[in-house]
Amino acid sequence: MDWKELKDGSLRVEQHFIAPKQSQRQILVGKNGSKIGRIGIEANEELRSIFKRDVHLILQVRVAKKRSA
């Protein structure tokens, strides 16, 4: 969704996951946020390795809005 470099040189990255259904959102989030938390940890480690600086990763999981016909 968005990213920016902060004054301290680190990066702030905001990413939204859009799930088609509430049930799929629940799978991605996991019990008490365990799956999305693990995804965040692994992605943050990889981004730090790529950019060689601290990364503040913000993840959100949303359900897609239904389209009116």
PDB file of N, CA and C in Angstrom:
ATOM      1  N   MET A   1       0.826  -1.183   0.000  1.00  0.00           N
ATOM      2  CA  MET A   1       0.000   0.000   0.000  1.00  0.00           C
ATOM      3  C   MET A   1       0.874   1.252   0.000  1.00  0.00           C
ATOM      4  N   ASP A   2       1.869   1.272   0.929  1.00  0.00           N
ATOM      5  CA  ASP A   2       2.661   2.482   1.071  1.00  0.00           C
ATOM      6  C   ASP A   2       3.971   2.142   1.760  1.00  0.00           C
ATOM      7  N   TRP A   3       4.973   2.946   1.480  1.00  0.00           N
ATOM      8  CA  TRP A   3       6.234   2.842   2.205  1.00  0.00           C
ATOM      9  C   TRP A   3       6.888   4.209   2.220  1.00  0.00           C
ATOM     10  N   LYS A   4       7.694   4.436   3.261  1.00  0.00           N
ATOM     11  CA  LYS A   4       8.437   5.690   3.315  1.00  0.00           C
ATOM     12  C   LYS A   4       9.675   5.500   4.180  1.00  0.00           C
ATOM     13  N   GLU A   5      10.668   6.327   3.918  1.00  0.00           N
ATOM     14  CA  GLU A   5      11.890   6.314   4.700  1.00  0.00           C
ATOM     15  C   GLU A   5      11.706   7.275   5.868  1.00  0.00           C
ATOM     16  N   LEU A   6      12.052   6.818   7.059  1.00  0.00           N
ATOM     17  CA  LEU A   6      11.898   7.633   8.252  1.00  0.00           C
ATOM     18  C   LEU A   6      13.176   8.427   8.525  1.00  0.00           C
ATOM     19  N   LYS A   7      13.075   9.400   9.429  1.00  0.00           N
ATOM     20  CA  LYS A   7      14.212  10.272   9.739  1.00  0.00           C
ATOM     21  C   LYS A   7      15.437   9.503  10.222  1.00  0.00           C
ATOM     22  N   ASP A   8      15.209   8.387  10.903  1.00  0.00           N
ATOM     23  CA  ASP A   8      16.329   7.598  11.419  1.00  0.00           C
ATOM     24  C   ASP A   8      16.941   6.668  10.369  1.00  0.00           C
ATOM     25  N   GLY A   9      16.435   6.722   9.125  1.00  0.00           N
ATOM     26  CA  GLY A   9      16.967   5.905   8.041  1.00  0.00           C
ATOM     27  C   GLY A   9      16.258   4.578   7.857  1.00  0.00           C
ATOM     28  N   SER A  10      15.373   4.242   8.778  1.00  0.00           N
ATOM     29  CA  SER A  10      14.642   2.982   8.646  1.00  0.00           C
ATOM     30  C   SER A  10      13.482   3.168   7.660  1.00  0.00           C
ATOM     31  N   LEU A  11      12.877   2.045   7.279  1.00  0.00           N
ATOM     32  CA  LEU A  11      11.743   2.071   6.358  1.00  0.00           C
ATOM     33  C   LEU A  11      10.465   1.691   7.093  1.00  0.00           C
ATOM     34  N   ARG A  12       9.379   2.346   6.740  1.00  0.00           N
ATOM     35  CA  ARG A  12       8.047   1.976   7.225  1.00  0.00           C
ATOM     36  C   ARG A  12       7.280   1.459   6.017  1.00  0.00           C
ATOM     37  N   VAL A  13       6.873   0.193   6.081  1.00  0.00           N
ATOM     38  CA  VAL A  13       6.165  -0.447   4.973  1.00  0.00           C
ATOM     39  C   VAL A  13       4.801  -0.896   5.480  1.00  0.00           C
ATOM     40  N   GLU A  14       3.747  -0.479   4.768  1.00  0.00           N
ATOM     41  CA  GLU A  14       2.391  -0.885   5.120  1.00  0.00           C
ATOM     42  C   GLU A  14       1.825  -1.712   3.975  1.00  0.00           C
ATOM     43  N   GLN A  15       1.378  -2.915   4.312  1.00  0.00           N
ATOM     44  CA  GLN A  15       0.858  -3.834   3.306  1.00  0.00           C
ATOM     45  C   GLN A  15      -0.499  -4.354   3.751  1.00  0.00           C
ATOM     46  N   HIS A  16      -1.467  -4.334   2.846  1.00  0.00           N
ATOM     47  CA  HIS A  16      -2.793  -4.876   3.126  1.00  0.00           C
ATOM     48  C   HIS A  16      -2.994  -6.149   2.315  1.00  0.00           C
ATOM     49  N   PHE A  17      -3.507  -7.168   2.966  1.00  0.00           N
ATOM     50  CA  PHE A  17      -3.912  -8.393   2.291  1.00  0.00           C
ATOM     51  C   PHE A  17      -5.423  -8.323   2.145  1.00  0.00           C
ATOM     52  N   ILE A  18      -5.925  -8.572   0.948  1.00  0.00           N
ATOM     53  CA  ILE A  18      -7.364  -8.539   0.698  1.00  0.00           C
ATOM     54  C   ILE A  18      -7.841  -9.972   0.452  1.00  0.00           C
ATOM     55  N   ALA A  19      -8.635 -10.484   1.375  1.00  0.00           N
ATOM     56  CA  ALA A  19      -9.179 -11.835   1.254  1.00  0.00           C
ATOM     57  C   ALA A  19     -10.586 -11.741   0.654  1.00  0.00           C
ATOM     58  N   PRO A  20     -10.924 -12.657  -0.258  1.00  0.00           N
ATOM     59  CA  PRO A  20     -12.248 -12.601  -0.880  1.00  0.00           C
ATOM     60  C   PRO A  20     -13.399 -12.892   0.098  1.00  0.00           C
ATOM     61  N   LYS A  21     -13.131 -13.708   1.137  1.00  0.00           N
ATOM     62  CA  LYS A  21     -14.188 -14.100   2.075  1.00  0.00           C
ATOM     63  C   LYS A  21     -13.673 -14.002   3.506  1.00  0.00           C
ATOM     64  N   GLN A  22     -14.590 -13.820   4.435  1.00  0.00           N
ATOM     65  CA  GLN A  22     -14.245 -13.757   5.854  1.00  0.00           C
ATOM     66  C   GLN A  22     -13.548 -15.042   6.302  1.00  0.00           C
ATOM     67  N   SER A  23     -13.992 -16.189   5.802  1.00  0.00           N
ATOM     68  CA  SER A  23     -13.388 -17.463   6.206  1.00  0.00           C
ATOM     69  C   SER A  23     -11.923 -17.538   5.765  1.00  0.00           C
ATOM     70  N   GLN A  24     -11.604 -16.978   4.606  1.00  0.00           N
ATOM     71  CA  GLN A  24     -10.225 -16.977   4.138  1.00  0.00           C
ATOM     72  C   GLN A  24      -9.380 -15.986   4.937  1.00  0.00           C
ATOM     73  N   ARG A  25     -10.002 -14.888   5.348  1.00  0.00           N
ATOM     74  CA  ARG A  25      -9.302 -13.938   6.212  1.00  0.00           C
ATOM     75  C   ARG A  25      -8.916 -14.622   7.523  1.00  0.00           C
ATOM     76  N   GLN A  26      -9.849 -15.385   8.098  1.00  0.00           N
ATOM     77  CA  GLN A  26      -9.587 -16.072   9.356  1.00  0.00           C
ATOM     78  C   GLN A  26      -8.438 -17.067   9.223  1.00  0.00           C
ATOM     79  N   ILE A  27      -8.346 -17.748   8.073  1.00  0.00           N
ATOM     80  CA  ILE A  27      -7.253 -18.682   7.830  1.00  0.00           C
ATOM     81  C   ILE A  27      -5.926 -17.937   7.793  1.00  0.00           C
ATOM     82  N   LEU A  28      -5.889 -16.813   7.092  1.00  0.00           N
ATOM     83  CA  LEU A  28      -4.659 -16.029   6.962  1.00  0.00           C
ATOM     84  C   LEU A  28      -4.225 -15.430   8.299  1.00  0.00           C
ATOM     85  N   VAL A  29      -5.176 -14.969   9.083  1.00  0.00           N
ATOM     86  CA  VAL A  29      -4.847 -14.382  10.385  1.00  0.00           C
ATOM     87  C   VAL A  29      -4.414 -15.466  11.366  1.00  0.00           C
ATOM     88  N   GLY A  30      -5.103 -16.593  11.367  1.00  0.00           N
ATOM     89  CA  GLY A  30      -4.779 -17.675  12.289  1.00  0.00           C
ATOM     90  C   GLY A  30      -5.327 -17.409  13.680  1.00  0.00           C
ATOM     91  N   LYS A  31      -5.185 -18.403  14.531  1.00  0.00           N
ATOM     92  CA  LYS A  31      -5.691 -18.285  15.895  1.00  0.00           C
ATOM     93  C   LYS A  31      -4.875 -17.238  16.648  1.00  0.00           C
ATOM     94  N   ASN A  32      -5.572 -16.241  17.185  1.00  0.00           N
ATOM     95  CA  ASN A  32      -4.948 -15.129  17.913  1.00  0.00           C
ATOM     96  C   ASN A  32      -3.870 -14.415  17.104  1.00  0.00           C
ATOM     97  N   GLY A  33      -4.013 -14.409  15.779  1.00  0.00           N
ATOM     98  CA  GLY A  33      -3.060 -13.695  14.926  1.00  0.00           C
ATOM     99  C   GLY A  33      -1.753 -14.428  14.699  1.00  0.00           C
ATOM    100  N   SER A  34      -1.723 -15.715  14.995  1.00  0.00           N
ATOM    101  CA  SER A  34      -0.457 -16.462  14.926  1.00  0.00           C
ATOM    102  C   SER A  34       0.116 -16.558  13.515  1.00  0.00           C
ATOM    103  N   LYS A  35      -0.728 -16.788  12.507  1.00  0.00           N
ATOM    104  CA  LYS A  35      -0.206 -16.937  11.142  1.00  0.00           C
ATOM    105  C   LYS A  35       0.257 -15.610  10.554  1.00  0.00           C
ATOM    106  N   ILE A  36      -0.547 -14.571  10.678  1.00  0.00           N
ATOM    107  CA  ILE A  36      -0.148 -13.279  10.137  1.00  0.00           C
ATOM    108  C   ILE A  36       1.063 -12.748  10.912  1.00  0.00           C
ATOM    109  N   GLY A  37       1.137 -13.068  12.176  1.00  0.00           N
ATOM    110  CA  GLY A  37       2.306 -12.680  12.973  1.00  0.00           C
ATOM    111  C   GLY A  37       3.573 -13.338  12.459  1.00  0.00           C
ATOM    112  N   ARG A  38       3.480 -14.622  12.142  1.00  0.00           N
ATOM    113  CA  ARG A  38       4.645 -15.348  11.620  1.00  0.00           C
ATOM    114  C   ARG A  38       5.020 -14.820  10.237  1.00  0.00           C
ATOM    115  N   ILE A  39       4.028 -14.546   9.406  1.00  0.00           N
ATOM    116  CA  ILE A  39       4.288 -13.970   8.082  1.00  0.00           C
ATOM    117  C   ILE A  39       5.021 -12.641   8.249  1.00  0.00           C
ATOM    118  N   GLY A  40       4.561 -11.822   9.192  1.00  0.00           N
ATOM    119  CA  GLY A  40       5.179 -10.530   9.439  1.00  0.00           C
ATOM    120  C   GLY A  40       6.626 -10.646   9.885  1.00  0.00           C
ATOM    121  N   ILE A  41       6.903 -11.574  10.775  1.00  0.00           N
ATOM    122  CA  ILE A  41       8.274 -11.777  11.267  1.00  0.00           C
ATOM    123  C   ILE A  41       9.198 -12.202  10.131  1.00  0.00           C
ATOM    124  N   GLU A  42       8.771 -13.184   9.353  1.00  0.00           N
ATOM    125  CA  GLU A  42       9.608 -13.674   8.253  1.00  0.00           C
ATOM    126  C   GLU A  42       9.795 -12.618   7.169  1.00  0.00           C
ATOM    127  N   ALA A  43       8.735 -11.898   6.831  1.00  0.00           N
ATOM    128  CA  ALA A  43       8.836 -10.853   5.811  1.00  0.00           C
ATOM    129  C   ALA A  43       9.734  -9.717   6.298  1.00  0.00           C
ATOM    130  N   ASN A  44       9.613  -9.359   7.563  1.00  0.00           N
ATOM    131  CA  ASN A  44      10.440  -8.295   8.122  1.00  0.00           C
ATOM    132  C   ASN A  44      11.919  -8.675   8.067  1.00  0.00           C
ATOM    133  N   GLU A  45      12.250  -9.902   8.423  1.00  0.00           N
ATOM    134  CA  GLU A  45      13.638 -10.371   8.362  1.00  0.00           C
ATOM    135  C   GLU A  45      14.173 -10.299   6.932  1.00  0.00           C
ATOM    136  N   GLU A  46      13.366 -10.728   5.983  1.00  0.00           N
ATOM    137  CA  GLU A  46      13.795 -10.711   4.593  1.00  0.00           C
ATOM    138  C   GLU A  46      13.970  -9.275   4.077  1.00  0.00           C
ATOM    139  N   LEU A  47      13.055  -8.392   4.421  1.00  0.00           N
ATOM    140  CA  LEU A  47      13.164  -6.998   3.992  1.00  0.00           C
ATOM    141  C   LEU A  47      14.395  -6.328   4.607  1.00  0.00           C
ATOM    142  N   ARG A  48      14.673  -6.620   5.885  1.00  0.00           N
ATOM    143  CA  ARG A  48      15.878  -6.066   6.521  1.00  0.00           C
ATOM    144  C   ARG A  48      17.132  -6.546   5.806  1.00  0.00           C
ATOM    145  N   SER A  49      17.131  -7.788   5.401  1.00  0.00           N
ATOM    146  CA  SER A  49      18.278  -8.351   4.684  1.00  0.00           C
ATOM    147  C   SER A  49      18.449  -7.694   3.316  1.00  0.00           C
ATOM    148  N   ILE A  50      17.367  -7.456   2.624  1.00  0.00           N
ATOM    149  CA  ILE A  50      17.410  -6.860   1.285  1.00  0.00           C
ATOM    150  C   ILE A  50      17.851  -5.400   1.358  1.00  0.00           C
ATOM    151  N   PHE A  51      17.240  -4.621   2.249  1.00  0.00           N
ATOM    152  CA  PHE A  51      17.481  -3.181   2.301  1.00  0.00           C
ATOM    153  C   PHE A  51      18.637  -2.777   3.212  1.00  0.00           C
ATOM    154  N   LYS A  52      19.137  -3.729   4.009  1.00  0.00           N
ATOM    155  CA  LYS A  52      20.264  -3.468   4.915  1.00  0.00           C
ATOM    156  C   LYS A  52      19.972  -2.319   5.883  1.00  0.00           C
ATOM    157  N   ARG A  53      18.758  -2.304   6.409  1.00  0.00           N
ATOM    158  CA  ARG A  53      18.353  -1.298   7.404  1.00  0.00           C
ATOM    159  C   ARG A  53      17.133  -1.825   8.148  1.00  0.00           C
ATOM    160  N   ASP A  54      16.792  -1.157   9.234  1.00  0.00           N
ATOM    161  CA  ASP A  54      15.608  -1.553   9.998  1.00  0.00           C
ATOM    162  C   ASP A  54      14.349  -1.299   9.180  1.00  0.00           C
ATOM    163  N   VAL A  55      13.379  -2.182   9.351  1.00  0.00           N
ATOM    164  CA  VAL A  55      12.107  -2.069   8.640  1.00  0.00           C
ATOM    165  C   VAL A  55      10.979  -2.199   9.655  1.00  0.00           C
ATOM    166  N   HIS A  56      10.019  -1.291   9.582  1.00  0.00           N
ATOM    167  CA  HIS A  56       8.813  -1.339  10.403  1.00  0.00           C
ATOM    168  C   HIS A  56       7.696  -1.800   9.474  1.00  0.00           C
ATOM    169  N   LEU A  57       7.302  -3.059   9.606  1.00  0.00           N
ATOM    170  CA  LEU A  57       6.329  -3.662   8.703  1.00  0.00           C
ATOM    171  C   LEU A  57       4.959  -3.707   9.370  1.00  0.00           C
ATOM    172  N   ILE A  58       3.981  -3.090   8.726  1.00  0.00           N
ATOM    173  CA  ILE A  58       2.615  -3.075   9.232  1.00  0.00           C
ATOM    174  C   ILE A  58       1.753  -3.876   8.262  1.00  0.00           C
ATOM    175  N   LEU A  59       1.148  -4.940   8.761  1.00  0.00           N
ATOM    176  CA  LEU A  59       0.306  -5.803   7.930  1.00  0.00           C
ATOM    177  C   LEU A  59      -1.139  -5.713   8.404  1.00  0.00           C
ATOM    178  N   GLN A  60      -2.059  -5.642   7.445  1.00  0.00           N
ATOM    179  CA  GLN A  60      -3.488  -5.673   7.739  1.00  0.00           C
ATOM    180  C   GLN A  60      -4.153  -6.671   6.802  1.00  0.00           C
ATOM    181  N   VAL A  61      -5.114  -7.391   7.336  1.00  0.00           N
ATOM    182  CA  VAL A  61      -5.875  -8.345   6.524  1.00  0.00           C
ATOM    183  C   VAL A  61      -7.324  -7.882   6.498  1.00  0.00           C
ATOM    184  N   ARG A  62      -7.847  -7.672   5.301  1.00  0.00           N
ATOM    185  CA  ARG A  62      -9.215  -7.197   5.139  1.00  0.00           C
ATOM    186  C   ARG A  62     -10.000  -8.141   4.229  1.00  0.00           C
ATOM    187  N   VAL A  63     -11.299  -8.049   4.334  1.00  0.00           N
ATOM    188  CA  VAL A  63     -12.180  -8.795   3.439  1.00  0.00           C
ATOM    189  C   VAL A  63     -12.580  -7.850   2.310  1.00  0.00           C
ATOM    190  N   ALA A  64     -12.541  -8.345   1.081  1.00  0.00           N
ATOM    191  CA  ALA A  64     -12.889  -7.536  -0.081  1.00  0.00           C
ATOM    192  C   ALA A  64     -14.339  -7.068   0.022  1.00  0.00           C
ATOM    193  N   LYS A  65     -14.565  -5.856  -0.407  1.00  0.00           N
ATOM    194  CA  LYS A  65     -15.925  -5.325  -0.431  1.00  0.00           C
ATOM    195  C   LYS A  65     -16.705  -6.017  -1.530  1.00  0.00           C
ATOM    196  N   LYS A  66     -17.967  -6.304  -1.242  1.00  0.00           N
ATOM    197  CA  LYS A  66     -18.810  -6.924  -2.264  1.00  0.00           C
ATOM    198  C   LYS A  66     -19.208  -5.883  -3.292  1.00  0.00           C
ATOM    199  N   ARG A  67     -19.148  -6.290  -4.526  1.00  0.00           N
ATOM    200  CA  ARG A  67     -19.543  -5.388  -5.607  1.00  0.00           C
ATOM    201  C   ARG A  67     -21.029  -5.505  -5.872  1.00  0.00           C
ATOM    202  N   SER A  68     -21.648  -4.366  -6.096  1.00  0.00           N
ATOM    203  CA  SER A  68     -23.079  -4.366  -6.440  1.00  0.00           C
ATOM    204  C   SER A  68     -23.237  -4.584  -7.932  1.00  0.00           C
ATOM    205  N   ALA A  69     -24.211  -5.394  -8.315  1.00  0.00           N
ATOM    206  CA  ALA A  69     -24.425  -5.683  -9.737  1.00  0.00           C
ATOM    207  C   ALA A  69     -25.375  -4.706 -10.359  1.00  0.00           C
TER     208      ALA A  69
END
